[in-house]
PDB file of N, CA and C in Angstrom:
ATOM      1  N   MET A   1      26.999 -21.258 -16.115  1.00  0.00           N
ATOM      2  CA  MET A   1      26.869 -19.873 -15.774  1.00  0.00           C
ATOM      3  C   MET A   1      25.654 -19.652 -14.876  1.00  0.00           C
ATOM      4  N   ALA A   2      24.531 -20.273 -15.227  1.00  0.00           N
ATOM      5  CA  ALA A   2      23.312 -20.102 -14.445  1.00  0.00           C
ATOM      6  C   ALA A   2      23.446 -20.757 -13.076  1.00  0.00           C
ATOM      7  N   GLU A   3      24.204 -21.855 -13.005  1.00  0.00           N
ATOM      8  CA  GLU A   3      24.397 -22.536 -11.731  1.00  0.00           C
ATOM      9  C   GLU A   3      25.202 -21.675 -10.777  1.00  0.00           C
ATOM     10  N   LYS A   4      26.195 -20.974 -11.287  1.00  0.00           N
ATOM     11  CA  LYS A   4      27.009 -20.110 -10.444  1.00  0.00           C
ATOM     12  C   LYS A   4      26.170 -18.973  -9.878  1.00  0.00           C
ATOM     13  N   LYS A   5      25.287 -18.409 -10.680  1.00  0.00           N
ATOM     14  CA  LYS A   5      24.432 -17.333 -10.220  1.00  0.00           C
ATOM     15  C   LYS A   5      23.469 -17.829  -9.141  1.00  0.00           C
ATOM     16  N   LYS A   6      22.966 -19.059  -9.307  1.00  0.00           N
ATOM     17  CA  LYS A   6      22.083 -19.640  -8.288  1.00  0.00           C
ATOM     18  C   LYS A   6      22.828 -19.824  -6.974  1.00  0.00           C
ATOM     19  N   GLU A   7      24.073 -20.297  -7.049  1.00  0.00           N
ATOM     20  CA  GLU A   7      24.867 -20.496  -5.842  1.00  0.00           C
ATOM     21  C   GLU A   7      25.160 -19.169  -5.158  1.00  0.00           C
ATOM     22  N   ASP A   8      25.444 -18.131  -5.942  1.00  0.00           N
ATOM     23  CA  ASP A   8      25.702 -16.817  -5.359  1.00  0.00           C
ATOM     24  C   ASP A   8      24.464 -16.281  -4.658  1.00  0.00           C
ATOM     25  N   ASN A   9      23.304 -16.472  -5.276  1.00  0.00           N
ATOM     26  CA  ASN A   9      22.056 -16.019  -4.657  1.00  0.00           C
ATOM     27  C   ASN A   9      21.729 -16.823  -3.408  1.00  0.00           C
ATOM     28  N   ALA A  10      22.073 -18.083  -3.378  1.00  0.00           N
ATOM     29  CA  ALA A  10      21.795 -18.919  -2.215  1.00  0.00           C
ATOM     30  C   ALA A  10      22.668 -18.515  -1.034  1.00  0.00           C
ATOM     31  N   ARG A  11      23.851 -17.999  -1.299  1.00  0.00           N
ATOM     32  CA  ARG A  11      24.753 -17.597  -0.219  1.00  0.00           C
ATOM     33  C   ARG A  11      24.380 -16.256   0.390  1.00  0.00           C
ATOM     34  N   LYS A  12      23.685 -15.412  -0.335  1.00  0.00           N
ATOM     35  CA  LYS A  12      23.331 -14.098   0.176  1.00  0.00           C
ATOM     36  C   LYS A  12      22.270 -14.219   1.259  1.00  0.00           C
ATOM     37  N   MET A  13      22.420 -13.391   2.276  1.00  0.00           N
ATOM     38  CA  MET A  13      21.434 -13.375   3.353  1.00  0.00           C
ATOM     39  C   MET A  13      20.200 -12.608   2.909  1.00  0.00           C
ATOM     40  N   ALA A  14      19.062 -12.998   3.400  1.00  0.00           N
ATOM     41  CA  ALA A  14      17.826 -12.310   3.056  1.00  0.00           C
ATOM     42  C   ALA A  14      17.785 -10.923   3.696  1.00  0.00           C
ATOM     43  N   VAL A  15      18.366 -10.800   4.892  1.00  0.00           N
ATOM     44  CA  VAL A  15      18.398  -9.519   5.592  1.00  0.00           C
ATOM     45  C   VAL A  15      19.835  -9.033   5.604  1.00  0.00           C
ATOM     46  N   THR A  16      20.065  -7.851   5.059  1.00  0.00           N
ATOM     47  CA  THR A  16      21.407  -7.294   5.012  1.00  0.00           C
ATOM     48  C   THR A  16      21.731  -6.580   6.329  1.00  0.00           C
ATOM     49  N   ALA A  17      22.973  -6.173   6.477  1.00  0.00           N
ATOM     50  CA  ALA A  17      23.402  -5.506   7.707  1.00  0.00           C
ATOM     51  C   ALA A  17      22.640  -4.198   7.955  1.00  0.00           C
ATOM     52  N   PRO A  18      22.463  -3.325   6.951  1.00  0.00           N
ATOM     53  CA  PRO A  18      21.665  -2.121   7.216  1.00  0.00           C
ATOM     54  C   PRO A  18      20.205  -2.448   7.561  1.00  0.00           C
ATOM     55  N   GLY A  19      19.659  -3.470   6.933  1.00  0.00           N
ATOM     56  CA  GLY A  19      18.293  -3.879   7.253  1.00  0.00           C
ATOM     57  C   GLY A  19      18.175  -4.407   8.672  1.00  0.00           C
ATOM     58  N   LEU A  20      19.191  -5.148   9.100  1.00  0.00           N
ATOM     59  CA  LEU A  20      19.195  -5.674  10.469  1.00  0.00           C
ATOM     60  C   LEU A  20      19.300  -4.537  11.481  1.00  0.00           C
ATOM     61  N   LYS A  21      20.130  -3.546  11.185  1.00  0.00           N
ATOM     62  CA  LYS A  21      20.240  -2.389  12.080  1.00  0.00           C
ATOM     63  C   LYS A  21      18.912  -1.650  12.164  1.00  0.00           C
ATOM     64  N   LEU A  22      18.248  -1.513  11.038  1.00  0.00           N
ATOM     65  CA  LEU A  22      16.954  -0.840  11.017  1.00  0.00           C
ATOM     66  C   LEU A  22      15.909  -1.648  11.795  1.00  0.00           C
ATOM     67  N   MET A  23      15.983  -2.961  11.732  1.00  0.00           N
ATOM     68  CA  MET A  23      15.069  -3.804  12.501  1.00  0.00           C
ATOM     69  C   MET A  23      15.302  -3.637  13.998  1.00  0.00           C
ATOM     70  N   ILE A  24      16.557  -3.528  14.406  1.00  0.00           N
ATOM     71  CA  ILE A  24      16.874  -3.331  15.824  1.00  0.00           C
ATOM     72  C   ILE A  24      16.367  -1.973  16.287  1.00  0.00           C
ATOM     73  N   VAL A  25      16.515  -0.941  15.442  1.00  0.00           N
ATOM     74  CA  VAL A  25      15.993   0.386  15.785  1.00  0.00           C
ATOM     75  C   VAL A  25      14.476   0.323  15.948  1.00  0.00           C
ATOM     76  N   GLY A  26      13.801  -0.364  15.032  1.00  0.00           N
ATOM     77  CA  GLY A  26      12.352  -0.504  15.137  1.00  0.00           C
ATOM     78  C   GLY A  26      11.933  -1.217  16.409  1.00  0.00           C
ATOM     79  N   LEU A  27      12.681  -2.242  16.781  1.00  0.00           N
ATOM     80  CA  LEU A  27      12.385  -2.965  18.012  1.00  0.00           C
ATOM     81  C   LEU A  27      12.565  -2.067  19.230  1.00  0.00           C
ATOM     82  N   LEU A  28      13.628  -1.269  19.239  1.00  0.00           N
ATOM     83  CA  LEU A  28      13.865  -0.361  20.363  1.00  0.00           C
ATOM     84  C   LEU A  28      12.784   0.716  20.447  1.00  0.00           C
ATOM     85  N   VAL A  29      12.310   1.193  19.306  1.00  0.00           N
ATOM     86  CA  VAL A  29      11.230   2.185  19.299  1.00  0.00           C
ATOM     87  C   VAL A  29       9.954   1.566  19.864  1.00  0.00           C
ATOM     88  N   MET A  30       9.658   0.320  19.488  1.00  0.00           N
ATOM     89  CA  MET A  30       8.469  -0.342  20.025  1.00  0.00           C
ATOM     90  C   MET A  30       8.585  -0.565  21.533  1.00  0.00           C
ATOM     91  N   VAL A  31       9.763  -0.956  22.006  1.00  0.00           N
ATOM     92  CA  VAL A  31       9.963  -1.148  23.448  1.00  0.00           C
ATOM     93  C   VAL A  31       9.776   0.174  24.182  1.00  0.00           C
ATOM     94  N   ALA A  32      10.284   1.263  23.605  1.00  0.00           N
ATOM     95  CA  ALA A  32      10.081   2.583  24.216  1.00  0.00           C
ATOM     96  C   ALA A  32       8.593   2.918  24.291  1.00  0.00           C
ATOM     97  N   GLY A  33       7.838   2.566  23.263  1.00  0.00           N
ATOM     98  CA  GLY A  33       6.399   2.798  23.284  1.00  0.00           C
ATOM     99  C   GLY A  33       5.698   1.999  24.370  1.00  0.00           C
ATOM    100  N   PHE A  34       6.140   0.765  24.583  1.00  0.00           N
ATOM    101  CA  PHE A  34       5.529  -0.039  25.648  1.00  0.00           C
ATOM    102  C   PHE A  34       5.899   0.497  27.028  1.00  0.00           C
ATOM    103  N   PHE A  35       7.110   1.056  27.172  1.00  0.00           N
ATOM    104  CA  PHE A  35       7.460   1.687  28.445  1.00  0.00           C
ATOM    105  C   PHE A  35       6.603   2.926  28.692  1.00  0.00           C
ATOM    106  N   LEU A  36       6.327   3.682  27.637  1.00  0.00           N
ATOM    107  CA  LEU A  36       5.448   4.839  27.788  1.00  0.00           C
ATOM    108  C   LEU A  36       4.037   4.415  28.164  1.00  0.00           C
ATOM    109  N   LEU A  37       3.636   3.249  27.735  1.00  0.00           N
ATOM    110  CA  LEU A  37       2.289   2.747  27.999  1.00  0.00           C
ATOM    111  C   LEU A  37       2.125   2.239  29.432  1.00  0.00           C
ATOM    112  N   SER A  38       3.200   1.876  30.074  1.00  0.00           N
ATOM    113  CA  SER A  38       3.118   1.255  31.404  1.00  0.00           C
ATOM    114  C   SER A  38       2.873   2.293  32.496  1.00  0.00           C
ATOM    115  N   GLY A  39       2.497   1.796  33.655  1.00  0.00           N
ATOM    116  CA  GLY A  39       2.292   2.643  34.828  1.00  0.00           C
ATOM    117  C   GLY A  39       0.847   3.069  34.982  1.00  0.00           C
ATOM    118  N   GLY A  40       0.626   3.945  35.957  1.00  0.00           N
ATOM    119  CA  GLY A  40      -0.712   4.497  36.161  1.00  0.00           C
ATOM    120  C   GLY A  40      -1.604   3.663  37.044  1.00  0.00           C
ATOM    121  N   GLY A  41      -1.031   2.669  37.698  1.00  0.00           N
ATOM    122  CA  GLY A  41      -1.838   1.826  38.569  1.00  0.00           C
ATOM    123  C   GLY A  41      -2.083   2.484  39.915  1.00  0.00           C
ATOM    124  N   SER A  42      -2.952   1.906  40.693  1.00  0.00           N
ATOM    125  CA  SER A  42      -3.269   2.419  42.016  1.00  0.00           C
ATOM    126  C   SER A  42      -2.920   1.359  43.046  1.00  0.00           C
ATOM    127  N   LYS A  43      -2.362   1.800  44.164  1.00  0.00           N
ATOM    128  CA  LYS A  43      -2.026   0.848  45.227  1.00  0.00           C
ATOM    129  C   LYS A  43      -3.284   0.326  45.927  1.00  0.00           C
ATOM    130  N   ASP A  44      -4.289   1.155  46.012  1.00  0.00           N
ATOM    131  CA  ASP A  44      -5.550   0.767  46.634  1.00  0.00           C
ATOM    132  C   ASP A  44      -6.580   0.500  45.531  1.00  0.00           C
ATOM    133  N   PRO A  45      -7.117  -0.721  45.428  1.00  0.00           N
ATOM    134  CA  PRO A  45      -8.068  -1.019  44.359  1.00  0.00           C
ATOM    135  C   PRO A  45      -9.400  -0.268  44.490  1.00  0.00           C
ATOM    136  N   GLN A  46      -9.677   0.287  45.651  1.00  0.00           N
ATOM    137  CA  GLN A  46     -10.920   1.035  45.860  1.00  0.00           C
ATOM    138  C   GLN A  46     -10.828   2.485  45.375  1.00  0.00           C
ATOM    139  N   VAL A  47      -9.599   2.933  45.061  1.00  0.00           N
ATOM    140  CA  VAL A  47      -9.390   4.321  44.639  1.00  0.00           C
ATOM    141  C   VAL A  47      -9.105   4.328  43.147  1.00  0.00           C
ATOM    142  N   PHE A  48      -9.863   5.124  42.397  1.00  0.00           N
ATOM    143  CA  PHE A  48      -9.666   5.221  40.953  1.00  0.00           C
ATOM    144  C   PHE A  48      -8.549   6.212  40.672  1.00  0.00           C
ATOM    145  N   ASN A  49      -7.633   5.827  39.791  1.00  0.00           N
ATOM    146  CA  ASN A  49      -6.497   6.674  39.457  1.00  0.00           C
ATOM    147  C   ASN A  49      -6.697   7.239  38.050  1.00  0.00           C
ATOM    148  N   TYR A  50      -6.829   8.547  37.948  1.00  0.00           N
ATOM    149  CA  TYR A  50      -7.043   9.192  36.649  1.00  0.00           C
ATOM    150  C   TYR A  50      -5.762   9.282  35.827  1.00  0.00           C
ATOM    151  N   ALA A  51      -4.629   8.896  36.382  1.00  0.00           N
ATOM    152  CA  ALA A  51      -3.365   8.942  35.647  1.00  0.00           C
ATOM    153  C   ALA A  51      -3.359   7.941  34.492  1.00  0.00           C
ATOM    154  N   MET A  52      -4.296   6.990  34.502  1.00  0.00           N
ATOM    155  CA  MET A  52      -4.384   6.045  33.390  1.00  0.00           C
ATOM    156  C   MET A  52      -4.784   6.723  32.100  1.00  0.00           C
ATOM    157  N   PHE A  53      -5.479   7.822  32.183  1.00  0.00           N
ATOM    158  CA  PHE A  53      -6.061   8.456  31.001  1.00  0.00           C
ATOM    159  C   PHE A  53      -5.350   9.754  30.637  1.00  0.00           C
ATOM    160  N   ASP A  54      -4.033   9.772  30.708  1.00  0.00           N
ATOM    161  CA  ASP A  54      -3.318  10.975  30.310  1.00  0.00           C
ATOM    162  C   ASP A  54      -2.839  10.864  28.860  1.00  0.00           C
ATOM    163  N   PHE A  55      -2.292  11.950  28.353  1.00  0.00           N
ATOM    164  CA  PHE A  55      -1.860  12.036  26.954  1.00  0.00           C
ATOM    165  C   PHE A  55      -0.821  10.980  26.613  1.00  0.00           C
ATOM    166  N   ARG A  56       0.088  10.736  27.531  1.00  0.00           N
ATOM    167  CA  ARG A  56       1.180   9.800  27.269  1.00  0.00           C
ATOM    168  C   ARG A  56       0.670   8.392  26.982  1.00  0.00           C
ATOM    169  N   ARG A  57      -0.289   7.932  27.750  1.00  0.00           N
ATOM    170  CA  ARG A  57      -0.772   6.550  27.594  1.00  0.00           C
ATOM    171  C   ARG A  57      -1.812   6.396  26.488  1.00  0.00           C
ATOM    172  N   LEU A  58      -2.609   7.407  26.248  1.00  0.00           N
ATOM    173  CA  LEU A  58      -3.683   7.285  25.259  1.00  0.00           C
ATOM    174  C   LEU A  58      -3.280   7.704  23.851  1.00  0.00           C
ATOM    175  N   VAL A  59      -2.299   8.600  23.719  1.00  0.00           N
ATOM    176  CA  VAL A  59      -1.959   9.130  22.404  1.00  0.00           C
ATOM    177  C   VAL A  59      -0.511   8.828  22.027  1.00  0.00           C
ATOM    178  N   LEU A  60       0.419   9.244  22.880  1.00  0.00           N
ATOM    179  CA  LEU A  60       1.835   9.163  22.541  1.00  0.00           C
ATOM    180  C   LEU A  60       2.336   7.722  22.422  1.00  0.00           C
ATOM    181  N   ALA A  61       2.027   6.878  23.385  1.00  0.00           N
ATOM    182  CA  ALA A  61       2.525   5.496  23.366  1.00  0.00           C
ATOM    183  C   ALA A  61       2.033   4.712  22.140  1.00  0.00           C
ATOM    184  N   PRO A  62       0.752   4.756  21.794  1.00  0.00           N
ATOM    185  CA  PRO A  62       0.337   4.030  20.582  1.00  0.00           C
ATOM    186  C   PRO A  62       0.989   4.557  19.306  1.00  0.00           C
ATOM    187  N   ILE A  63       1.208   5.866  19.222  1.00  0.00           N
ATOM    188  CA  ILE A  63       1.874   6.429  18.043  1.00  0.00           C
ATOM    189  C   ILE A  63       3.306   5.930  17.958  1.00  0.00           C
ATOM    190  N   VAL A  64       4.002   5.871  19.089  1.00  0.00           N
ATOM    191  CA  VAL A  64       5.391   5.393  19.101  1.00  0.00           C
ATOM    192  C   VAL A  64       5.443   3.913  18.734  1.00  0.00           C
ATOM    193  N   ILE A  65       4.514   3.117  19.231  1.00  0.00           N
ATOM    194  CA  ILE A  65       4.487   1.685  18.910  1.00  0.00           C
ATOM    195  C   ILE A  65       4.210   1.476  17.421  1.00  0.00           C
ATOM    196  N   ILE A  66       3.270   2.219  16.875  1.00  0.00           N
ATOM    197  CA  ILE A  66       2.964   2.094  15.442  1.00  0.00           C
ATOM    198  C   ILE A  66       4.152   2.555  14.603  1.00  0.00           C
ATOM    199  N   ALA A  67       4.861   3.591  15.055  1.00  0.00           N
ATOM    200  CA  ALA A  67       6.064   4.038  14.336  1.00  0.00           C
ATOM    201  C   ALA A  67       7.122   2.935  14.324  1.00  0.00           C
ATOM    202  N   GLY A  68       7.259   2.213  15.434  1.00  0.00           N
ATOM    203  CA  GLY A  68       8.191   1.092  15.477  1.00  0.00           C
ATOM    204  C   GLY A  68       7.792  -0.017  14.519  1.00  0.00           C
ATOM    205  N   ILE A  69       6.506  -0.284  14.411  1.00  0.00           N
ATOM    206  CA  ILE A  69       6.026  -1.311  13.480  1.00  0.00           C
ATOM    207  C   ILE A  69       6.285  -0.876  12.041  1.00  0.00           C
ATOM    208  N   VAL A  70       6.074   0.401  11.747  1.00  0.00           N
ATOM    209  CA  VAL A  70       6.344   0.916  10.397  1.00  0.00           C
ATOM    210  C   VAL A  70       7.828   0.787  10.072  1.00  0.00           C
ATOM    211  N   ILE A  71       8.695   1.081  11.030  1.00  0.00           N
ATOM    212  CA  ILE A  71      10.139   0.924  10.821  1.00  0.00           C
ATOM    213  C   ILE A  71      10.483  -0.533  10.541  1.00  0.00           C
ATOM    214  N   GLU A  72       9.849  -1.444  11.260  1.00  0.00           N
ATOM    215  CA  GLU A  72      10.084  -2.876  11.029  1.00  0.00           C
ATOM    216  C   GLU A  72       9.665  -3.284   9.615  1.00  0.00           C
ATOM    217  N   VAL A  73       8.513  -2.814   9.168  1.00  0.00           N
ATOM    218  CA  VAL A  73       8.032  -3.154   7.830  1.00  0.00           C
ATOM    219  C   VAL A  73       8.981  -2.595   6.770  1.00  0.00           C
ATOM    220  N   ILE A  74       9.434  -1.371   6.973  1.00  0.00           N
ATOM    221  CA  ILE A  74      10.383  -0.779   6.036  1.00  0.00           C
ATOM    222  C   ILE A  74      11.680  -1.575   6.011  1.00  0.00           C
ATOM    223  N   ALA A  75      12.150  -2.007   7.175  1.00  0.00           N
ATOM    224  CA  ALA A  75      13.392  -2.776   7.234  1.00  0.00           C
ATOM    225  C   ALA A  75      13.261  -4.111   6.514  1.00  0.00           C
ATOM    226  N   ILE A  76      12.099  -4.725   6.597  1.00  0.00           N
ATOM    227  CA  ILE A  76      11.892  -6.024   5.954  1.00  0.00           C
ATOM    228  C   ILE A  76      11.689  -5.868   4.449  1.00  0.00           C
ATOM    229  N   MET A  77      10.933  -4.864   4.033  1.00  0.00           N
ATOM    230  CA  MET A  77      10.569  -4.724   2.635  1.00  0.00           C
ATOM    231  C   MET A  77      11.616  -3.988   1.792  1.00  0.00           C
ATOM    232  N   ARG A  78      12.544  -3.313   2.428  1.00  0.00           N
ATOM    233  CA  ARG A  78      13.534  -2.517   1.700  1.00  0.00           C
ATOM    234  C   ARG A  78      14.469  -3.408   0.911  1.00  0.00           C
ATOM    235  N   ARG A  79      14.720  -3.016  -0.338  1.00  0.00           N
ATOM    236  CA  ARG A  79      15.641  -3.764  -1.173  1.00  0.00           C
ATOM    237  C   ARG A  79      17.060  -3.287  -0.933  1.00  0.00           C
ATOM    238  N   PRO A  80      17.996  -4.193  -0.871  1.00  0.00           N
ATOM    239  CA  PRO A  80      19.396  -3.757  -0.720  1.00  0.00           C
ATOM    240  C   PRO A  80      19.888  -3.085  -1.992  1.00  0.00           C
ATOM    241  N   ALA A  81      20.910  -2.255  -1.834  1.00  0.00           N
ATOM    242  CA  ALA A  81      21.486  -1.587  -2.996  1.00  0.00           C
ATOM    243  C   ALA A  81      22.134  -2.611  -3.904  1.00  0.00           C
ATOM    244  N   LYS A  82      22.044  -2.385  -5.205  1.00  0.00           N
ATOM    245  CA  LYS A  82      22.628  -3.329  -6.163  1.00  0.00           C
ATOM    246  C   LYS A  82      24.136  -3.292  -6.100  1.00  0.00           C
ATOM    247  N   GLU A  83      24.725  -4.454  -6.052  1.00  0.00           N
ATOM    248  CA  GLU A  83      26.175  -4.567  -6.072  1.00  0.00           C
ATOM    249  C   GLU A  83      26.599  -5.088  -7.443  1.00  0.00           C
ATOM    250  N   ASP A  84      27.376  -4.291  -8.161  1.00  0.00           N
ATOM    251  CA  ASP A  84      27.808  -4.695  -9.498  1.00  0.00           C
ATOM    252  C   ASP A  84      29.193  -5.303  -9.457  1.00  0.00           C
TER     253      ASP A  84
END
Protein backbone atom coordinates (compact mmCIF):
# COMPACT_ATOMS: atom_id res chain seq x y z
CA MET A 1 0.00 0.00 0.00
CA ALA A 2 2.78 2.43 0.92
CA GLU A 3 4.70 1.56 -2.24
CA LYS A 4 1.73 2.44 -4.42
CA LYS A 5 1.38 5.82 -2.73
CA LYS A 6 5.10 6.50 -3.28
CA GLU A 7 4.75 5.65 -6.97
CA ASP A 8 1.72 7.93 -7.31
CA ASN A 9 3.62 10.78 -5.68
CA ALA A 10 6.63 10.19 -7.92
CA ARG A 11 4.46 10.49 -11.03
CA LYS A 12 2.93 13.82 -10.03
CA MET A 13 4.56 16.93 -11.41
CA ALA A 14 5.93 19.45 -8.96
CA VAL A 15 4.34 22.30 -10.93
CA THR A 16 0.69 21.89 -11.86
CA ALA A 17 -1.00 23.37 -14.91
CA PRO A 18 -2.53 26.35 -13.04
CA GLY A 19 0.84 27.00 -11.39
CA LEU A 20 2.57 26.92 -14.77
CA LYS A 21 0.05 29.38 -16.19
CA LEU A 22 0.63 31.67 -13.23
CA MET A 23 4.40 31.43 -13.78
CA ILE A 24 3.96 32.44 -17.43
CA VAL A 25 1.81 35.41 -16.36
CA GLY A 26 4.51 36.45 -13.88
CA LEU A 27 7.15 36.21 -16.58
CA LEU A 28 5.08 38.35 -18.95
CA VAL A 29 4.54 40.96 -16.22
CA MET A 30 8.30 41.10 -15.59
CA VAL A 31 9.01 41.47 -19.33
CA ALA A 32 6.48 44.32 -19.48
CA GLY A 33 8.32 45.98 -16.59
CA PHE A 34 11.63 45.72 -18.41
CA PHE A 35 10.05 47.25 -21.53
CA LEU A 36 8.82 50.13 -19.39
CA LEU A 37 12.35 50.53 -18.06
CA SER A 38 13.96 50.78 -21.50
CA GLY A 39 14.53 53.89 -23.59
CA GLY A 40 15.46 57.43 -22.69
CA GLY A 41 18.82 57.44 -24.38
CA SER A 42 20.34 60.35 -26.26
CA LYS A 43 21.70 60.23 -29.79
CA ASP A 44 24.37 62.78 -28.93
CA PRO A 45 26.52 61.79 -25.91
CA GLN A 46 27.26 65.47 -25.19
CA VAL A 47 23.56 66.25 -24.61
CA PHE A 48 21.95 65.16 -21.34
CA ASN A 49 18.48 63.68 -21.73
CA TYR A 50 16.13 64.26 -18.79
CA ALA A 51 13.73 61.61 -20.11
CA MET A 52 15.76 59.07 -18.13
CA PHE A 53 14.32 60.40 -14.89
CA ASP A 54 10.58 60.28 -15.53
CA PHE A 55 7.88 58.52 -13.50
CA ARG A 56 7.71 55.53 -15.82
CA ARG A 57 11.37 54.55 -15.43
CA LEU A 58 11.92 55.44 -11.78
CA VAL A 59 8.64 54.33 -10.19
CA LEU A 60 6.31 52.37 -12.46
CA ALA A 61 8.79 49.93 -14.05
CA PRO A 62 10.35 48.73 -10.77
CA ILE A 63 6.88 48.24 -9.24
CA VAL A 64 5.78 46.18 -12.26
CA ILE A 65 8.96 44.06 -12.12
CA ILE A 66 8.54 43.42 -8.39
CA ALA A 67 4.87 42.50 -8.99
CA GLY A 68 6.04 39.94 -11.55
CA ILE A 69 8.50 38.48 -9.05
CA VAL A 70 5.74 38.27 -6.42
CA ILE A 71 3.52 36.44 -8.93
CA GLU A 72 6.36 34.00 -9.61
CA VAL A 73 6.85 33.31 -5.90
CA ILE A 74 3.12 32.75 -5.44
CA ALA A 75 3.07 30.38 -8.42
CA ILE A 76 5.95 28.35 -7.00
CA MET A 77 4.81 28.28 -3.37
CA ARG A 78 1.09 27.70 -3.99
CA ARG A 79 -0.19 24.28 -3.06
CA PRO A 80 -2.38 22.48 -5.57
CA ALA A 81 -5.95 21.68 -4.61
CA LYS A 82 -6.37 18.30 -2.95
CA GLU A 83 -7.64 15.59 -5.23
CA ASP A 84 -9.62 12.91 -3.41
